[in-house]
Amino acid sequence: MAEGKKIRGKAQETMGEAKEKAGRATDKDDLRLKGTAERVAGKTRQAAGEVEDKVKGTAEEIKGKARKHK
């Protein structure tokens, strides 16, 4: 699940970058701003996926330690 978030986030970030560049090239501020928002949302989605991975890893580590101490 977290891998999917990271992949979708990277795709969204890439599309946002493309829209930003297109907006700059055509001098369309609305397209550039939409691209910026999409790029930032993509980075946020990627970060959420990474946090999810870390939380799952930590939870598994804690479960393993709890099993050892039983």
N, C-alpha and C. Protein backbone atom coordinates (compact mmCIF):
# COMPACT_ATOMS: atom_id res chain seq x y z
N MET A 1 0.82 -1.19 0.00
CA MET A 1 0.00 0.00 0.00
C MET A 1 0.87 1.26 0.00
N ALA A 2 1.88 1.27 0.86
CA ALA A 2 2.73 2.46 0.93
C ALA A 2 3.52 2.64 -0.36
N GLU A 3 3.92 1.53 -0.97
CA GLU A 3 4.63 1.62 -2.24
C GLU A 3 3.76 2.28 -3.30
N GLY A 4 2.48 1.94 -3.29
CA GLY A 4 1.54 2.55 -4.23
C GLY A 4 1.43 4.05 -4.02
N LYS A 5 1.43 4.47 -2.76
CA LYS A 5 1.36 5.91 -2.47
C LYS A 5 2.61 6.61 -3.00
N LYS A 6 3.75 5.97 -2.80
CA LYS A 6 4.99 6.58 -3.26
C LYS A 6 5.03 6.68 -4.78
N ILE A 7 4.58 5.65 -5.45
CA ILE A 7 4.58 5.65 -6.92
C ILE A 7 3.59 6.68 -7.46
N ARG A 8 2.37 6.69 -6.90
CA ARG A 8 1.38 7.69 -7.34
C ARG A 8 1.85 9.10 -7.02
N GLY A 9 2.52 9.26 -5.90
CA GLY A 9 3.03 10.57 -5.53
C GLY A 9 4.09 11.05 -6.50
N LYS A 10 4.99 10.15 -6.90
CA LYS A 10 6.03 10.52 -7.85
C LYS A 10 5.41 10.88 -9.20
N ALA A 11 4.42 10.12 -9.62
CA ALA A 11 3.74 10.42 -10.89
C ALA A 11 3.06 11.79 -10.81
N GLN A 12 2.40 12.07 -9.70
CA GLN A 12 1.72 13.34 -9.52
C GLN A 12 2.74 14.49 -9.50
N GLU A 13 3.85 14.26 -8.84
CA GLU A 13 4.90 15.28 -8.79
C GLU A 13 5.43 15.58 -10.19
N THR A 14 5.66 14.53 -10.97
CA THR A 14 6.18 14.68 -12.33
C THR A 14 5.19 15.44 -13.21
N MET A 15 3.90 15.10 -13.10
CA MET A 15 2.88 15.81 -13.87
C MET A 15 2.83 17.28 -13.46
N GLY A 16 2.96 17.54 -12.19
CA GLY A 16 2.96 18.92 -11.71
C GLY A 16 4.12 19.71 -12.26
N GLU A 17 5.30 19.08 -12.29
CA GLU A 17 6.47 19.75 -12.85
C GLU A 17 6.25 20.08 -14.33
N ALA A 18 5.65 19.14 -15.05
CA ALA A 18 5.38 19.37 -16.47
C ALA A 18 4.41 20.54 -16.66
N LYS A 19 3.38 20.59 -15.83
CA LYS A 19 2.41 21.69 -15.92
C LYS A 19 3.06 23.02 -15.57
N GLU A 20 3.93 23.00 -14.56
CA GLU A 20 4.64 24.23 -14.20
C GLU A 20 5.46 24.75 -15.39
N LYS A 21 6.21 23.84 -16.01
CA LYS A 21 7.04 24.23 -17.15
C LYS A 21 6.19 24.71 -18.32
N ALA A 22 5.08 24.03 -18.57
CA ALA A 22 4.19 24.46 -19.65
C ALA A 22 3.60 25.83 -19.35
N GLY A 23 3.26 26.06 -18.11
CA GLY A 23 2.72 27.36 -17.71
C GLY A 23 3.73 28.47 -17.87
N ARG A 24 4.98 28.17 -17.52
CA ARG A 24 6.03 29.18 -17.70
C ARG A 24 6.28 29.44 -19.19
N ALA A 25 6.31 28.37 -19.98
CA ALA A 25 6.60 28.50 -21.41
C ALA A 25 5.50 29.27 -22.15
N THR A 26 4.25 29.09 -21.71
CA THR A 26 3.13 29.75 -22.38
C THR A 26 2.69 31.02 -21.66
N ASP A 27 3.39 31.35 -20.58
CA ASP A 27 3.07 32.53 -19.78
C ASP A 27 1.65 32.48 -19.22
N LYS A 28 1.23 31.26 -18.81
CA LYS A 28 -0.09 31.06 -18.21
C LYS A 28 0.09 30.78 -16.72
N ASP A 29 -0.17 31.81 -15.92
CA ASP A 29 0.03 31.67 -14.48
C ASP A 29 -0.89 30.63 -13.85
N ASP A 30 -2.12 30.50 -14.37
CA ASP A 30 -3.05 29.53 -13.78
C ASP A 30 -2.51 28.10 -13.95
N LEU A 31 -1.96 27.79 -15.09
CA LEU A 31 -1.41 26.45 -15.34
C LEU A 31 -0.17 26.22 -14.48
N ARG A 32 0.67 27.24 -14.38
CA ARG A 32 1.88 27.14 -13.56
C ARG A 32 1.51 26.90 -12.10
N LEU A 33 0.51 27.62 -11.60
CA LEU A 33 0.10 27.46 -10.21
C LEU A 33 -0.55 26.09 -9.95
N LYS A 34 -1.35 25.62 -10.91
CA LYS A 34 -1.93 24.27 -10.77
C LYS A 34 -0.82 23.23 -10.73
N GLY A 35 0.19 23.43 -11.56
CA GLY A 35 1.33 22.51 -11.57
C GLY A 35 2.07 22.51 -10.25
N THR A 36 2.27 23.70 -9.70
CA THR A 36 2.96 23.80 -8.41
C THR A 36 2.17 23.06 -7.33
N ALA A 37 0.87 23.28 -7.31
CA ALA A 37 0.03 22.60 -6.31
C ALA A 37 0.08 21.09 -6.49
N GLU A 38 0.04 20.63 -7.73
CA GLU A 38 0.08 19.20 -7.99
C GLU A 38 1.44 18.60 -7.60
N ARG A 39 2.50 19.34 -7.88
CA ARG A 39 3.85 18.87 -7.53
C ARG A 39 3.99 18.73 -6.02
N VAL A 40 3.52 19.73 -5.29
CA VAL A 40 3.61 19.70 -3.83
C VAL A 40 2.74 18.57 -3.27
N ALA A 41 1.55 18.38 -3.83
CA ALA A 41 0.68 17.29 -3.37
C ALA A 41 1.35 15.94 -3.62
N GLY A 42 2.04 15.81 -4.74
CA GLY A 42 2.75 14.57 -5.04
C GLY A 42 3.86 14.30 -4.04
N LYS A 43 4.62 15.34 -3.70
CA LYS A 43 5.69 15.17 -2.71
C LYS A 43 5.11 14.78 -1.36
N THR A 44 3.97 15.37 -1.02
CA THR A 44 3.31 15.05 0.25
C THR A 44 2.86 13.60 0.26
N ARG A 45 2.30 13.14 -0.86
CA ARG A 45 1.85 11.75 -0.95
C ARG A 45 3.04 10.79 -0.80
N GLN A 46 4.15 11.14 -1.42
CA GLN A 46 5.35 10.30 -1.30
C GLN A 46 5.82 10.23 0.15
N ALA A 47 5.83 11.38 0.81
CA ALA A 47 6.25 11.43 2.22
C ALA A 47 5.32 10.60 3.09
N ALA A 48 4.03 10.65 2.81
CA ALA A 48 3.07 9.85 3.57
C ALA A 48 3.35 8.36 3.40
N GLY A 49 3.71 7.96 2.19
CA GLY A 49 4.06 6.56 1.95
C GLY A 49 5.29 6.15 2.71
N GLU A 50 6.28 7.03 2.77
CA GLU A 50 7.50 6.73 3.51
C GLU A 50 7.24 6.63 5.00
N VAL A 51 6.41 7.52 5.53
CA VAL A 51 6.06 7.48 6.95
C VAL A 51 5.31 6.18 7.25
N GLU A 52 4.40 5.81 6.36
CA GLU A 52 3.65 4.57 6.55
C GLU A 52 4.60 3.37 6.61
N ASP A 53 5.58 3.34 5.73
CA ASP A 53 6.57 2.26 5.75
C ASP A 53 7.32 2.22 7.08
N LYS A 54 7.74 3.39 7.55
CA LYS A 54 8.50 3.45 8.80
C LYS A 54 7.65 3.02 9.99
N VAL A 55 6.40 3.44 10.01
CA VAL A 55 5.51 3.06 11.11
C VAL A 55 5.29 1.55 11.11
N LYS A 56 5.06 0.99 9.93
CA LYS A 56 4.86 -0.46 9.86
C LYS A 56 6.12 -1.20 10.29
N GLY A 57 7.28 -0.70 9.87
CA GLY A 57 8.54 -1.33 10.26
C GLY A 57 8.76 -1.28 11.76
N THR A 58 8.48 -0.15 12.35
CA THR A 58 8.63 0.01 13.80
C THR A 58 7.66 -0.89 14.55
N ALA A 59 6.43 -0.96 14.06
CA ALA A 59 5.42 -1.82 14.71
C ALA A 59 5.87 -3.28 14.65
N GLU A 60 6.39 -3.71 13.52
CA GLU A 60 6.86 -5.10 13.39
C GLU A 60 8.05 -5.35 14.31
N GLU A 61 8.93 -4.37 14.43
CA GLU A 61 10.09 -4.49 15.31
C GLU A 61 9.65 -4.64 16.76
N ILE A 62 8.67 -3.85 17.16
CA ILE A 62 8.15 -3.91 18.53
C ILE A 62 7.48 -5.26 18.78
N LYS A 63 6.72 -5.74 17.81
CA LYS A 63 6.08 -7.06 17.95
C LYS A 63 7.13 -8.14 18.13
N GLY A 64 8.19 -8.06 17.34
CA GLY A 64 9.25 -9.06 17.44
C GLY A 64 9.92 -9.04 18.80
N LYS A 65 10.19 -7.87 19.33
CA LYS A 65 10.82 -7.76 20.65
C LYS A 65 9.87 -8.26 21.73
N ALA A 66 8.58 -7.97 21.58
CA ALA A 66 7.60 -8.43 22.58
C ALA A 66 7.53 -9.95 22.59
N ARG A 67 7.62 -10.56 21.43
CA ARG A 67 7.58 -12.03 21.34
C ARG A 67 8.80 -12.65 21.99
N LYS A 68 9.96 -12.01 21.87
CA LYS A 68 11.19 -12.53 22.46
C LYS A 68 11.13 -12.52 23.99
N HIS A 69 10.42 -11.55 24.55
CA HIS A 69 10.40 -11.38 26.00
C HIS A 69 9.28 -12.14 26.68
N LYS A 70 8.54 -12.92 25.93
CA LYS A 70 7.44 -13.68 26.54
C LYS A 70 7.96 -14.90 27.23
